[in-house]
C-alpha cells in the first residue's frame, strides 16, 4: 500500500488543470453535449484537439473480443485527442459520460501556432510528458492481479478532499471498464466491501468507512 500512497500523491499533482499554454488567439469552437452523446468515433477524420470545460468525456476502444477498454476519462480542464494533431483519423471513441461542454482547437490553426511560437509548443510537450507519467501510474494500478486489491487501491487513489468520498464518473459498468474488470466482478467486490463495512454506496459516490492516507 505504501507504493500506492506515493502514487496517490502523484495523481493529485496530475489532476487535469486548465492547459495554460493553449493560445488565446485561436478561435475555439464550443460544443455542448448530453450524457451518452458521441464526440467522435474511431476512424472519423480528425478535426483537432478538444478541451473539456465542464462534465466528463470517456475515451475508449473495443478489443477483438468485443469488450470496451477505457483509455481515459477527461474532466474539466483535461485535453482530448492530442495525437489527432498528427493523425488523419481518430484512434478511439469519445463519449460524454456526463453532460459536458468542450472546446475544439482546430488542428491546422494549432499546428501553425506551434511553428510560430516555440513557447506554445514547449507547453504542449510538457503537458504530454505529464500525461505519459500519469498513464504509467494508471497502468501500474491495472497490472495488479487481485481484483480486490485493484479495487481497493483504486478507491484509495481516487478519494476527494475529504479522503473518503470517491465520486463516480458515469456508471459502475463504466468504472469496471476503466479498471479492466468485468462489471460482474466489480459488483461482487463492491458488495463484499460493503458487507464488510469498508464502504457505503450512494447513486453517485462510494464512501470509505475510514479516510484514505
N, C-alpha and C. Protein backbone atom coordinates (compact mmCIF):
# COMPACT_ATOMS: atom_id res chain seq x y z
N UNK A 1 0.82 -1.21 0.00
CA UNK A 1 0.00 0.00 0.00
C UNK A 1 0.85 1.26 0.00
N UNK A 2 2.06 1.23 0.63
CA UNK A 2 2.91 2.41 0.67
C UNK A 2 3.19 2.94 -0.72
N UNK A 3 3.42 2.01 -1.67
CA UNK A 3 3.69 2.43 -3.04
C UNK A 3 2.53 3.22 -3.60
N UNK A 4 1.29 2.80 -3.28
CA UNK A 4 0.14 3.47 -3.85
C UNK A 4 -0.20 4.75 -3.11
N UNK A 5 0.27 4.90 -1.89
CA UNK A 5 0.17 6.20 -1.23
C UNK A 5 1.00 7.21 -2.02
N UNK A 6 2.19 6.79 -2.45
CA UNK A 6 3.03 7.67 -3.26
C UNK A 6 2.37 7.97 -4.60
N UNK A 7 1.75 6.94 -5.20
CA UNK A 7 1.07 7.14 -6.48
C UNK A 7 -0.09 8.10 -6.33
N UNK A 8 -0.77 8.03 -5.19
CA UNK A 8 -1.88 8.96 -4.95
C UNK A 8 -1.37 10.40 -4.99
N UNK A 9 -0.23 10.64 -4.33
CA UNK A 9 0.35 11.97 -4.34
C UNK A 9 0.65 12.45 -5.73
N UNK A 10 1.16 11.54 -6.57
CA UNK A 10 1.46 11.93 -7.95
C UNK A 10 0.19 12.24 -8.71
N UNK A 11 -0.85 11.41 -8.54
CA UNK A 11 -2.09 11.64 -9.27
C UNK A 11 -2.74 12.95 -8.85
N UNK A 12 -2.62 13.31 -7.57
CA UNK A 12 -3.17 14.58 -7.13
C UNK A 12 -2.48 15.73 -7.84
N UNK A 13 -1.16 15.60 -8.02
CA UNK A 13 -0.42 16.63 -8.74
C UNK A 13 -0.77 16.61 -10.23
N UNK A 14 -1.23 15.45 -10.73
CA UNK A 14 -1.52 15.29 -12.15
C UNK A 14 -2.96 15.61 -12.50
N UNK A 15 -3.78 15.95 -11.50
CA UNK A 15 -5.17 16.25 -11.79
C UNK A 15 -5.26 17.33 -12.85
N UNK A 16 -6.09 17.04 -13.86
CA UNK A 16 -6.17 17.94 -15.00
C UNK A 16 -6.51 19.35 -14.57
N UNK A 17 -5.68 20.29 -14.95
CA UNK A 17 -5.92 21.70 -14.73
C UNK A 17 -5.95 22.36 -16.09
N UNK A 18 -6.58 23.54 -16.19
CA UNK A 18 -6.62 24.20 -17.48
C UNK A 18 -5.23 24.28 -18.12
N UNK A 19 -5.14 23.94 -19.40
CA UNK A 19 -3.86 23.98 -20.11
C UNK A 19 -3.54 25.43 -20.42
N UNK A 20 -2.65 26.01 -19.63
CA UNK A 20 -2.35 27.43 -19.75
C UNK A 20 -1.67 27.76 -21.08
N UNK A 21 -1.07 26.76 -21.71
CA UNK A 21 -0.36 27.03 -22.96
C UNK A 21 -1.31 27.24 -24.14
N UNK A 22 -2.57 26.83 -24.03
CA UNK A 22 -3.48 26.95 -25.16
C UNK A 22 -3.57 28.41 -25.61
N UNK A 23 -3.27 28.68 -26.87
CA UNK A 23 -3.21 30.07 -27.34
C UNK A 23 -4.58 30.73 -27.39
N UNK A 24 -4.64 31.95 -26.89
CA UNK A 24 -5.90 32.69 -26.84
C UNK A 24 -6.27 33.28 -28.20
N UNK A 25 -5.31 33.35 -29.11
CA UNK A 25 -5.59 33.97 -30.40
C UNK A 25 -6.23 33.01 -31.40
N UNK A 26 -6.41 31.75 -30.99
CA UNK A 26 -7.08 30.78 -31.86
C UNK A 26 -8.56 30.73 -31.50
N UNK A 27 -9.41 30.82 -32.50
CA UNK A 27 -10.85 30.78 -32.27
C UNK A 27 -11.29 29.33 -32.05
N UNK A 28 -11.59 29.00 -30.80
CA UNK A 28 -12.03 27.64 -30.46
C UNK A 28 -13.54 27.55 -30.60
N UNK A 29 -14.00 26.38 -31.00
CA UNK A 29 -15.42 26.16 -31.22
C UNK A 29 -16.02 25.41 -30.04
N UNK A 30 -17.03 25.99 -29.44
CA UNK A 30 -17.65 25.39 -28.27
C UNK A 30 -18.75 24.41 -28.68
N UNK A 31 -18.87 23.32 -27.92
CA UNK A 31 -19.93 22.34 -28.17
C UNK A 31 -20.49 21.86 -26.85
N UNK A 32 -21.81 21.83 -26.74
CA UNK A 32 -22.49 21.29 -25.57
C UNK A 32 -22.90 19.86 -25.87
N UNK A 33 -22.72 18.97 -24.89
CA UNK A 33 -23.03 17.56 -25.08
C UNK A 33 -23.89 17.06 -23.93
N UNK A 34 -24.76 16.10 -24.22
CA UNK A 34 -25.53 15.44 -23.17
C UNK A 34 -24.91 14.07 -22.91
N UNK A 35 -25.19 13.53 -21.75
CA UNK A 35 -24.64 12.23 -21.40
C UNK A 35 -24.97 11.18 -22.47
N UNK A 36 -23.94 10.44 -22.88
CA UNK A 36 -24.12 9.41 -23.89
C UNK A 36 -23.88 9.90 -25.31
N UNK A 37 -23.74 11.20 -25.49
CA UNK A 37 -23.53 11.75 -26.84
C UNK A 37 -22.10 11.48 -27.30
N UNK A 38 -21.96 11.16 -28.57
CA UNK A 38 -20.65 10.86 -29.15
C UNK A 38 -19.98 12.14 -29.64
N UNK A 39 -18.73 12.33 -29.21
CA UNK A 39 -17.95 13.46 -29.70
C UNK A 39 -17.29 13.08 -31.03
N UNK A 40 -16.68 11.92 -31.06
CA UNK A 40 -16.17 11.36 -32.32
C UNK A 40 -16.02 9.86 -32.16
N UNK A 41 -15.93 9.17 -33.29
CA UNK A 41 -15.74 7.73 -33.31
C UNK A 41 -14.38 7.38 -33.91
N UNK A 42 -13.88 6.21 -33.55
CA UNK A 42 -12.66 5.70 -34.15
C UNK A 42 -12.78 5.72 -35.67
N UNK A 43 -11.73 6.21 -36.32
CA UNK A 43 -11.62 6.31 -37.78
C UNK A 43 -12.35 7.51 -38.37
N UNK A 44 -13.00 8.34 -37.52
CA UNK A 44 -13.52 9.61 -38.02
C UNK A 44 -12.35 10.52 -38.39
N UNK A 45 -12.48 11.35 -39.43
CA UNK A 45 -11.41 12.31 -39.75
C UNK A 45 -11.16 13.26 -38.57
N UNK A 46 -9.91 13.55 -38.31
CA UNK A 46 -9.57 14.40 -37.17
C UNK A 46 -9.88 15.87 -37.47
N UNK A 47 -10.39 16.55 -36.45
CA UNK A 47 -10.69 17.98 -36.57
C UNK A 47 -9.73 18.81 -35.73
N UNK A 48 -9.22 18.23 -34.66
CA UNK A 48 -8.33 18.97 -33.79
C UNK A 48 -8.34 18.44 -32.38
N UNK A 49 -7.87 19.25 -31.48
CA UNK A 49 -7.72 18.90 -30.07
C UNK A 49 -8.89 19.51 -29.30
N UNK A 50 -9.43 18.76 -28.33
CA UNK A 50 -10.54 19.25 -27.52
C UNK A 50 -10.09 19.49 -26.08
N UNK A 51 -10.66 20.51 -25.47
CA UNK A 51 -10.52 20.71 -24.03
C UNK A 51 -11.90 20.60 -23.39
N UNK A 52 -11.97 19.83 -22.31
CA UNK A 52 -13.22 19.70 -21.57
C UNK A 52 -13.34 20.88 -20.62
N UNK A 53 -14.43 21.63 -20.73
CA UNK A 53 -14.67 22.75 -19.82
C UNK A 53 -15.59 22.36 -18.67
N UNK A 54 -16.49 21.42 -18.95
CA UNK A 54 -17.48 21.00 -17.95
C UNK A 54 -17.85 19.56 -18.23
N UNK A 55 -18.11 18.77 -17.17
CA UNK A 55 -18.52 17.39 -17.35
C UNK A 55 -17.36 16.45 -17.56
N UNK A 56 -17.63 15.31 -18.17
CA UNK A 56 -16.60 14.28 -18.36
C UNK A 56 -16.80 13.59 -19.70
N UNK A 57 -15.68 13.26 -20.34
CA UNK A 57 -15.71 12.57 -21.62
C UNK A 57 -14.79 11.36 -21.53
N UNK A 58 -15.31 10.20 -21.94
CA UNK A 58 -14.56 8.95 -21.87
C UNK A 58 -13.98 8.59 -23.24
N UNK A 59 -12.70 8.23 -23.23
CA UNK A 59 -12.04 7.72 -24.43
C UNK A 59 -11.92 6.21 -24.30
N UNK A 60 -12.34 5.48 -25.33
CA UNK A 60 -12.32 4.03 -25.24
C UNK A 60 -12.16 3.40 -26.62
N UNK A 61 -11.81 2.11 -26.59
CA UNK A 61 -11.76 1.29 -27.80
C UNK A 61 -12.45 -0.02 -27.50
N UNK A 62 -12.82 -0.74 -28.54
CA UNK A 62 -13.39 -2.08 -28.40
C UNK A 62 -12.35 -3.08 -28.88
N UNK A 63 -12.02 -4.06 -28.01
CA UNK A 63 -10.99 -5.02 -28.40
C UNK A 63 -11.57 -6.12 -29.29
N UNK A 64 -10.75 -7.08 -29.64
CA UNK A 64 -11.16 -8.12 -30.60
C UNK A 64 -12.24 -9.04 -30.05
N UNK A 65 -12.40 -9.06 -28.72
CA UNK A 65 -13.45 -9.88 -28.12
C UNK A 65 -14.77 -9.12 -27.98
N UNK A 66 -14.77 -7.84 -28.36
CA UNK A 66 -15.96 -7.03 -28.22
C UNK A 66 -16.06 -6.30 -26.91
N UNK A 67 -15.02 -6.39 -26.08
CA UNK A 67 -15.02 -5.72 -24.77
C UNK A 67 -14.50 -4.30 -24.90
N UNK A 68 -15.21 -3.37 -24.26
CA UNK A 68 -14.77 -1.98 -24.28
C UNK A 68 -13.59 -1.81 -23.32
N UNK A 69 -12.56 -1.14 -23.78
CA UNK A 69 -11.39 -0.84 -22.97
C UNK A 69 -11.31 0.68 -22.80
N UNK A 70 -11.44 1.14 -21.57
CA UNK A 70 -11.41 2.58 -21.30
C UNK A 70 -9.95 3.05 -21.25
N UNK A 71 -9.65 4.02 -22.06
CA UNK A 71 -8.29 4.56 -22.13
C UNK A 71 -8.11 5.73 -21.16
N UNK A 72 -9.14 6.55 -21.04
CA UNK A 72 -9.00 7.75 -20.21
C UNK A 72 -10.38 8.36 -20.01
N UNK A 73 -10.59 9.01 -18.88
CA UNK A 73 -11.79 9.82 -18.65
C UNK A 73 -11.30 11.23 -18.34
N UNK A 74 -11.64 12.17 -19.21
CA UNK A 74 -11.18 13.56 -19.06
C UNK A 74 -12.25 14.39 -18.39
N UNK A 75 -11.85 15.14 -17.36
CA UNK A 75 -12.75 16.04 -16.66
C UNK A 75 -12.43 17.48 -16.98
N UNK A 76 -13.02 18.42 -16.23
CA UNK A 76 -12.81 19.84 -16.51
C UNK A 76 -11.33 20.22 -16.56
N UNK A 77 -10.94 20.89 -17.63
CA UNK A 77 -9.55 21.28 -17.83
C UNK A 77 -8.75 20.27 -18.62
N UNK A 78 -9.24 19.03 -18.72
CA UNK A 78 -8.50 17.98 -19.41
C UNK A 78 -8.55 18.13 -20.92
N UNK A 79 -7.55 17.58 -21.57
CA UNK A 79 -7.47 17.62 -23.03
C UNK A 79 -7.81 16.25 -23.61
N UNK A 80 -8.34 16.27 -24.81
CA UNK A 80 -8.73 15.05 -25.52
C UNK A 80 -8.12 15.07 -26.91
N UNK A 81 -7.57 13.93 -27.30
CA UNK A 81 -7.14 13.70 -28.69
C UNK A 81 -5.93 14.55 -29.09
N UNK A 82 -4.94 14.64 -28.19
CA UNK A 82 -3.72 15.35 -28.56
C UNK A 82 -3.06 14.74 -29.78
N UNK A 83 -3.09 13.40 -29.89
CA UNK A 83 -2.45 12.73 -31.01
C UNK A 83 -3.12 13.03 -32.34
N UNK A 84 -4.37 13.52 -32.30
CA UNK A 84 -5.09 13.81 -33.53
C UNK A 84 -4.43 14.93 -34.33
N UNK A 85 -3.60 15.72 -33.66
CA UNK A 85 -2.91 16.80 -34.37
C UNK A 85 -1.95 16.26 -35.42
N UNK A 86 -1.56 15.00 -35.25
CA UNK A 86 -0.56 14.41 -36.15
C UNK A 86 -1.10 13.15 -36.82
N UNK A 87 -2.42 13.02 -36.89
CA UNK A 87 -3.05 11.84 -37.50
C UNK A 87 -4.19 12.28 -38.40
N UNK A 88 -4.54 11.42 -39.34
CA UNK A 88 -5.64 11.71 -40.26
C UNK A 88 -6.99 11.32 -39.68
N UNK A 89 -6.99 10.30 -38.80
CA UNK A 89 -8.24 9.83 -38.20
C UNK A 89 -8.05 9.64 -36.70
N UNK A 90 -9.16 9.67 -35.95
CA UNK A 90 -9.10 9.40 -34.52
C UNK A 90 -8.90 7.90 -34.30
N UNK A 91 -8.22 7.56 -33.20
CA UNK A 91 -7.88 6.17 -32.92
C UNK A 91 -8.70 5.56 -31.79
N UNK A 92 -9.74 6.28 -31.34
CA UNK A 92 -10.62 5.76 -30.29
C UNK A 92 -11.96 6.47 -30.39
N UNK A 93 -12.90 6.05 -29.55
CA UNK A 93 -14.20 6.72 -29.44
C UNK A 93 -14.16 7.70 -28.28
N UNK A 94 -14.88 8.80 -28.40
CA UNK A 94 -15.02 9.77 -27.31
C UNK A 94 -16.51 9.98 -27.06
N UNK A 95 -16.96 9.69 -25.84
CA UNK A 95 -18.38 9.76 -25.50
C UNK A 95 -18.53 10.48 -24.16
N UNK A 96 -19.51 11.37 -24.06
CA UNK A 96 -19.77 12.07 -22.80
C UNK A 96 -20.35 11.10 -21.79
N UNK A 97 -19.75 11.00 -20.60
CA UNK A 97 -20.30 10.17 -19.53
C UNK A 97 -21.12 11.01 -18.56
N UNK A 98 -21.14 12.31 -18.79
CA UNK A 98 -21.98 13.25 -18.06
C UNK A 98 -22.20 14.43 -19.00
N UNK A 99 -23.24 15.21 -18.76
CA UNK A 99 -23.43 16.40 -19.58
C UNK A 99 -22.13 17.20 -19.59
N UNK A 100 -21.73 17.65 -20.77
CA UNK A 100 -20.40 18.24 -20.89
C UNK A 100 -20.40 19.45 -21.82
N UNK A 101 -19.38 20.25 -21.65
CA UNK A 101 -19.09 21.35 -22.58
C UNK A 101 -17.63 21.24 -22.98
N UNK A 102 -17.36 21.20 -24.26
CA UNK A 102 -15.99 21.07 -24.76
C UNK A 102 -15.70 22.18 -25.74
N UNK A 103 -14.40 22.41 -25.94
CA UNK A 103 -13.96 23.40 -26.92
C UNK A 103 -12.99 22.73 -27.88
N UNK A 104 -13.22 22.92 -29.17
CA UNK A 104 -12.36 22.37 -30.20
C UNK A 104 -11.36 23.41 -30.67
N UNK A 105 -10.06 23.04 -30.61
CA UNK A 105 -9.00 23.87 -31.17
C UNK A 105 -8.61 23.24 -32.50
N UNK A 106 -8.97 23.89 -33.64
CA UNK A 106 -8.74 23.29 -34.95
C UNK A 106 -7.28 22.93 -35.19
N UNK A 107 -7.09 21.78 -35.80
CA UNK A 107 -5.75 21.22 -35.99
C UNK A 107 -4.83 22.17 -36.75
N UNK A 108 -5.27 22.66 -37.90
CA UNK A 108 -4.39 23.49 -38.73
C UNK A 108 -3.96 24.76 -38.01
N UNK A 109 -4.90 25.38 -37.30
CA UNK A 109 -4.58 26.61 -36.58
C UNK A 109 -3.59 26.36 -35.45
N UNK A 110 -3.78 25.24 -34.73
CA UNK A 110 -2.90 24.93 -33.61
C UNK A 110 -1.50 24.56 -34.08
N UNK A 111 -1.40 23.78 -35.14
CA UNK A 111 -0.08 23.43 -35.67
C UNK A 111 0.65 24.66 -36.19
N UNK A 112 -0.07 25.58 -36.80
CA UNK A 112 0.54 26.82 -37.27
C UNK A 112 1.08 27.63 -36.10
N UNK A 113 0.34 27.61 -34.97
CA UNK A 113 0.79 28.35 -33.78
C UNK A 113 2.02 27.69 -33.18
N UNK A 114 2.11 26.36 -33.24
CA UNK A 114 3.32 25.67 -32.78
C UNK A 114 4.54 26.15 -33.57
N UNK A 115 4.38 26.27 -34.86
CA UNK A 115 5.51 26.70 -35.70
C UNK A 115 5.88 28.15 -35.43
N UNK A 116 4.88 28.96 -35.09
CA UNK A 116 5.13 30.39 -34.89
C UNK A 116 5.66 30.70 -33.50
N UNK A 117 5.22 29.92 -32.50
CA UNK A 117 5.51 30.27 -31.12
C UNK A 117 6.10 29.07 -30.38
N UNK A 118 7.42 29.03 -30.20
CA UNK A 118 8.06 27.90 -29.51
C UNK A 118 7.58 27.70 -28.07
N UNK A 119 7.16 28.77 -27.41
CA UNK A 119 6.69 28.63 -26.03
C UNK A 119 5.39 27.82 -25.97
N UNK A 120 4.53 28.01 -26.94
CA UNK A 120 3.30 27.22 -27.01
C UNK A 120 3.62 25.75 -27.25
N UNK A 121 4.55 25.50 -28.17
CA UNK A 121 4.97 24.13 -28.46
C UNK A 121 5.59 23.47 -27.23
N UNK A 122 6.40 24.23 -26.48
CA UNK A 122 7.02 23.68 -25.28
C UNK A 122 5.96 23.35 -24.22
N UNK A 123 4.95 24.19 -24.11
CA UNK A 123 3.87 23.92 -23.16
C UNK A 123 3.10 22.66 -23.53
N UNK A 124 2.87 22.47 -24.82
CA UNK A 124 2.19 21.26 -25.30
C UNK A 124 3.03 20.03 -24.99
N UNK A 125 4.34 20.10 -25.25
CA UNK A 125 5.23 18.96 -24.99
C UNK A 125 5.28 18.64 -23.49
N UNK A 126 5.32 19.64 -22.65
CA UNK A 126 5.35 19.41 -21.20
C UNK A 126 4.06 18.73 -20.74
N UNK A 127 2.94 19.15 -21.30
CA UNK A 127 1.67 18.52 -20.95
C UNK A 127 1.63 17.05 -21.36
N UNK A 128 2.18 16.75 -22.54
CA UNK A 128 2.22 15.36 -22.99
C UNK A 128 3.10 14.51 -22.08
N UNK A 129 4.22 15.06 -21.65
CA UNK A 129 5.12 14.32 -20.75
C UNK A 129 4.42 14.01 -19.43
N UNK A 130 3.68 14.97 -18.91
CA UNK A 130 2.97 14.76 -17.64
C UNK A 130 1.88 13.71 -17.80
N UNK A 131 1.16 13.76 -18.93
CA UNK A 131 0.12 12.77 -19.19
C UNK A 131 0.71 11.37 -19.32
N UNK A 132 1.90 11.27 -19.92
CA UNK A 132 2.55 9.98 -20.05
C UNK A 132 2.89 9.39 -18.69
N UNK A 133 3.38 10.21 -17.78
CA UNK A 133 3.69 9.74 -16.43
C UNK A 133 2.42 9.29 -15.71
N UNK A 134 1.33 10.05 -15.87
CA UNK A 134 0.07 9.67 -15.24
C UNK A 134 -0.46 8.36 -15.82
N UNK A 135 -0.30 8.19 -17.14
CA UNK A 135 -0.74 6.95 -17.78
C UNK A 135 0.03 5.76 -17.23
N UNK A 136 1.33 5.89 -17.05
CA UNK A 136 2.12 4.79 -16.50
C UNK A 136 1.66 4.44 -15.10
N UNK A 137 1.26 5.46 -14.33
CA UNK A 137 0.74 5.20 -12.99
C UNK A 137 -0.55 4.40 -13.05
N UNK A 138 -1.45 4.78 -13.96
CA UNK A 138 -2.72 4.05 -14.09
C UNK A 138 -2.49 2.62 -14.58
N UNK A 139 -1.53 2.43 -15.47
CA UNK A 139 -1.22 1.09 -15.95
C UNK A 139 -0.68 0.21 -14.82
N UNK A 140 0.11 0.81 -13.94
CA UNK A 140 0.64 0.05 -12.80
C UNK A 140 -0.51 -0.43 -11.92
N UNK A 141 -1.52 0.41 -11.75
CA UNK A 141 -2.69 0.02 -10.97
C UNK A 141 -3.42 -1.14 -11.65
N UNK A 142 -3.58 -1.08 -12.95
CA UNK A 142 -4.32 -2.12 -13.67
C UNK A 142 -3.55 -3.44 -13.72
N UNK A 143 -2.26 -3.39 -13.50
CA UNK A 143 -1.46 -4.62 -13.54
C UNK A 143 -1.56 -5.44 -12.26
N UNK A 144 -2.24 -4.91 -11.24
CA UNK A 144 -2.45 -5.69 -10.02
C UNK A 144 -3.34 -6.88 -10.36
N UNK A 145 -2.91 -8.07 -10.05
CA UNK A 145 -3.63 -9.28 -10.46
C UNK A 145 -4.91 -9.50 -9.64
N UNK A 146 -4.85 -9.24 -8.35
CA UNK A 146 -6.01 -9.45 -7.50
C UNK A 146 -7.06 -8.38 -7.77
N UNK A 147 -8.28 -8.83 -8.11
CA UNK A 147 -9.36 -7.88 -8.37
C UNK A 147 -9.66 -7.04 -7.13
N UNK A 148 -9.64 -7.68 -5.96
CA UNK A 148 -9.93 -6.95 -4.74
C UNK A 148 -8.88 -5.87 -4.49
N UNK A 149 -7.61 -6.21 -4.62
CA UNK A 149 -6.56 -5.22 -4.40
C UNK A 149 -6.64 -4.10 -5.42
N UNK A 150 -7.00 -4.45 -6.65
CA UNK A 150 -7.11 -3.42 -7.69
C UNK A 150 -8.21 -2.43 -7.33
N UNK A 151 -9.35 -2.95 -6.87
CA UNK A 151 -10.47 -2.09 -6.49
C UNK A 151 -10.11 -1.25 -5.27
N UNK A 152 -9.52 -1.89 -4.25
CA UNK A 152 -9.18 -1.16 -3.02
C UNK A 152 -8.18 -0.04 -3.30
N UNK A 153 -7.19 -0.33 -4.13
CA UNK A 153 -6.20 0.71 -4.43
C UNK A 153 -6.79 1.81 -5.29
N UNK A 154 -7.68 1.45 -6.21
CA UNK A 154 -8.36 2.50 -6.99
C UNK A 154 -9.13 3.43 -6.06
N UNK A 155 -9.87 2.86 -5.13
CA UNK A 155 -10.65 3.69 -4.20
C UNK A 155 -9.74 4.58 -3.38
N UNK A 156 -8.62 4.04 -2.90
CA UNK A 156 -7.69 4.83 -2.09
C UNK A 156 -7.06 5.96 -2.89
N UNK A 157 -6.82 5.72 -4.18
CA UNK A 157 -6.16 6.71 -5.03
C UNK A 157 -7.09 7.81 -5.51
N UNK A 158 -8.41 7.56 -5.45
CA UNK A 158 -9.34 8.49 -6.11
C UNK A 158 -10.32 9.17 -5.16
N UNK A 159 -10.00 9.22 -3.88
CA UNK A 159 -10.85 9.95 -2.94
C UNK A 159 -10.72 11.44 -3.17
N UNK A 160 -11.75 12.15 -2.78
CA UNK A 160 -11.73 13.61 -2.88
C UNK A 160 -10.99 14.25 -1.73
N UNK A 161 -11.26 15.53 -1.50
CA UNK A 161 -10.51 16.28 -0.48
C UNK A 161 -10.76 15.77 0.94
N UNK A 162 -11.90 15.08 1.14
CA UNK A 162 -12.17 14.55 2.49
C UNK A 162 -11.48 13.21 2.73
N UNK A 163 -10.77 12.69 1.71
CA UNK A 163 -10.04 11.42 1.80
C UNK A 163 -10.97 10.22 2.01
N UNK A 164 -12.28 10.40 1.78
CA UNK A 164 -13.22 9.30 1.99
C UNK A 164 -14.15 9.09 0.80
N UNK A 165 -14.48 10.14 0.06
CA UNK A 165 -15.52 10.06 -0.96
C UNK A 165 -14.94 9.94 -2.36
N UNK A 166 -15.37 8.90 -3.08
CA UNK A 166 -14.96 8.70 -4.46
C UNK A 166 -16.16 9.00 -5.34
N UNK A 167 -16.13 10.08 -6.09
CA UNK A 167 -17.23 10.43 -6.98
C UNK A 167 -17.21 9.49 -8.19
N UNK A 168 -18.36 8.92 -8.52
CA UNK A 168 -18.44 8.02 -9.66
C UNK A 168 -18.53 8.82 -10.95
N UNK A 169 -17.67 8.47 -11.91
CA UNK A 169 -17.68 9.10 -13.22
C UNK A 169 -18.45 8.17 -14.16
N UNK A 170 -19.75 8.39 -14.25
CA UNK A 170 -20.58 7.50 -15.05
C UNK A 170 -21.11 6.36 -14.19
N UNK A 171 -21.35 5.21 -14.81
CA UNK A 171 -21.94 4.07 -14.13
C UNK A 171 -20.86 3.16 -13.54
N UNK A 172 -21.31 2.19 -12.72
CA UNK A 172 -20.39 1.19 -12.20
C UNK A 172 -19.82 0.36 -13.36
N UNK A 173 -20.61 0.16 -14.39
CA UNK A 173 -20.12 -0.56 -15.57
C UNK A 173 -18.98 0.22 -16.23
N UNK A 174 -19.10 1.55 -16.28
CA UNK A 174 -18.01 2.38 -16.81
C UNK A 174 -16.75 2.22 -15.97
N UNK A 175 -16.93 2.18 -14.64
CA UNK A 175 -15.79 2.02 -13.74
C UNK A 175 -15.13 0.67 -13.95
N UNK A 176 -15.93 -0.38 -14.14
CA UNK A 176 -15.37 -1.71 -14.38
C UNK A 176 -14.49 -1.70 -15.62
N UNK A 177 -14.96 -1.05 -16.69
CA UNK A 177 -14.17 -0.98 -17.92
C UNK A 177 -12.86 -0.21 -17.68
N UNK A 178 -12.94 0.86 -16.88
CA UNK A 178 -11.73 1.64 -16.58
C UNK A 178 -10.71 0.81 -15.81
N UNK A 179 -11.20 -0.09 -14.94
CA UNK A 179 -10.31 -0.92 -14.13
C UNK A 179 -9.87 -2.19 -14.84
N UNK A 180 -10.45 -2.46 -16.00
CA UNK A 180 -10.10 -3.69 -16.70
C UNK A 180 -10.72 -4.92 -16.07
N UNK A 181 -11.90 -4.76 -15.45
CA UNK A 181 -12.62 -5.86 -14.83
C UNK A 181 -13.98 -6.03 -15.51
N UNK A 182 -14.56 -7.21 -15.42
CA UNK A 182 -15.95 -7.35 -15.86
C UNK A 182 -16.83 -6.66 -14.84
N UNK A 183 -18.00 -6.20 -15.29
CA UNK A 183 -18.85 -5.50 -14.32
C UNK A 183 -19.37 -6.45 -13.26
N UNK A 184 -19.49 -7.77 -13.59
CA UNK A 184 -19.91 -8.73 -12.58
C UNK A 184 -18.89 -8.83 -11.45
N UNK A 185 -17.61 -8.86 -11.80
CA UNK A 185 -16.55 -8.94 -10.78
C UNK A 185 -16.55 -7.68 -9.92
N UNK A 186 -16.68 -6.52 -10.56
CA UNK A 186 -16.66 -5.28 -9.79
C UNK A 186 -17.87 -5.19 -8.86
N UNK A 187 -19.06 -5.52 -9.35
CA UNK A 187 -20.24 -5.53 -8.49
C UNK A 187 -20.02 -6.43 -7.27
N UNK A 188 -19.43 -7.61 -7.51
CA UNK A 188 -19.20 -8.56 -6.42
C UNK A 188 -18.20 -7.99 -5.41
N UNK A 189 -17.13 -7.36 -5.89
CA UNK A 189 -16.13 -6.79 -4.99
C UNK A 189 -16.73 -5.66 -4.15
N UNK A 190 -17.51 -4.81 -4.80
CA UNK A 190 -18.13 -3.70 -4.07
C UNK A 190 -19.14 -4.20 -3.04
N UNK A 191 -19.89 -5.22 -3.42
CA UNK A 191 -20.86 -5.80 -2.48
C UNK A 191 -20.15 -6.41 -1.28
N UNK A 192 -19.03 -7.08 -1.53
CA UNK A 192 -18.25 -7.68 -0.44
C UNK A 192 -17.71 -6.61 0.50
N UNK A 193 -17.13 -5.55 -0.08
CA UNK A 193 -16.58 -4.47 0.74
C UNK A 193 -17.67 -3.78 1.55
N UNK A 194 -18.86 -3.64 0.94
CA UNK A 194 -19.96 -3.00 1.66
C UNK A 194 -20.45 -3.91 2.79
N UNK A 195 -20.54 -5.21 2.51
CA UNK A 195 -20.98 -6.16 3.55
C UNK A 195 -20.00 -6.19 4.71
N UNK A 196 -18.72 -5.98 4.44
CA UNK A 196 -17.69 -5.97 5.48
C UNK A 196 -17.64 -4.64 6.23
N UNK A 197 -18.41 -3.66 5.76
CA UNK A 197 -18.43 -2.36 6.41
C UNK A 197 -17.29 -1.45 6.00
N UNK A 198 -16.56 -1.81 4.94
CA UNK A 198 -15.43 -0.98 4.50
C UNK A 198 -15.89 0.23 3.70
N UNK A 199 -17.03 0.11 3.03
CA UNK A 199 -17.54 1.21 2.21
C UNK A 199 -19.05 1.31 2.36
N UNK A 200 -19.59 2.45 1.97
CA UNK A 200 -21.02 2.61 1.73
C UNK A 200 -21.16 3.18 0.32
N UNK A 201 -22.30 2.90 -0.31
CA UNK A 201 -22.50 3.36 -1.68
C UNK A 201 -23.75 4.23 -1.80
N UNK A 202 -23.65 5.26 -2.61
CA UNK A 202 -24.80 6.07 -2.99
C UNK A 202 -24.90 6.02 -4.51
N UNK A 203 -25.87 6.72 -5.05
CA UNK A 203 -26.07 6.69 -6.51
C UNK A 203 -24.86 7.25 -7.25
N UNK A 204 -24.20 8.24 -6.66
CA UNK A 204 -23.14 8.94 -7.38
C UNK A 204 -21.77 8.85 -6.72
N UNK A 205 -21.65 8.05 -5.66
CA UNK A 205 -20.36 8.01 -4.95
C UNK A 205 -20.19 6.70 -4.18
N UNK A 206 -18.94 6.44 -3.86
CA UNK A 206 -18.55 5.36 -2.95
C UNK A 206 -17.82 6.03 -1.80
N UNK A 207 -18.19 5.68 -0.58
CA UNK A 207 -17.62 6.36 0.59
C UNK A 207 -16.89 5.35 1.46
N UNK A 208 -15.61 5.62 1.72
CA UNK A 208 -14.81 4.76 2.57
C UNK A 208 -15.20 4.97 4.03
N UNK A 209 -15.18 3.88 4.80
CA UNK A 209 -15.53 3.98 6.22
C UNK A 209 -14.46 4.81 6.96
N UNK A 210 -13.19 4.59 6.61
CA UNK A 210 -12.11 5.36 7.21
C UNK A 210 -11.40 6.14 6.12
N UNK A 211 -10.86 7.26 6.48
CA UNK A 211 -10.22 8.15 5.50
C UNK A 211 -8.97 7.48 4.91
N UNK A 212 -8.75 7.70 3.62
CA UNK A 212 -7.54 7.22 2.96
C UNK A 212 -6.35 8.01 3.44
N UNK A 213 -5.18 7.35 3.49
CA UNK A 213 -3.97 8.02 3.96
C UNK A 213 -3.60 9.14 2.99
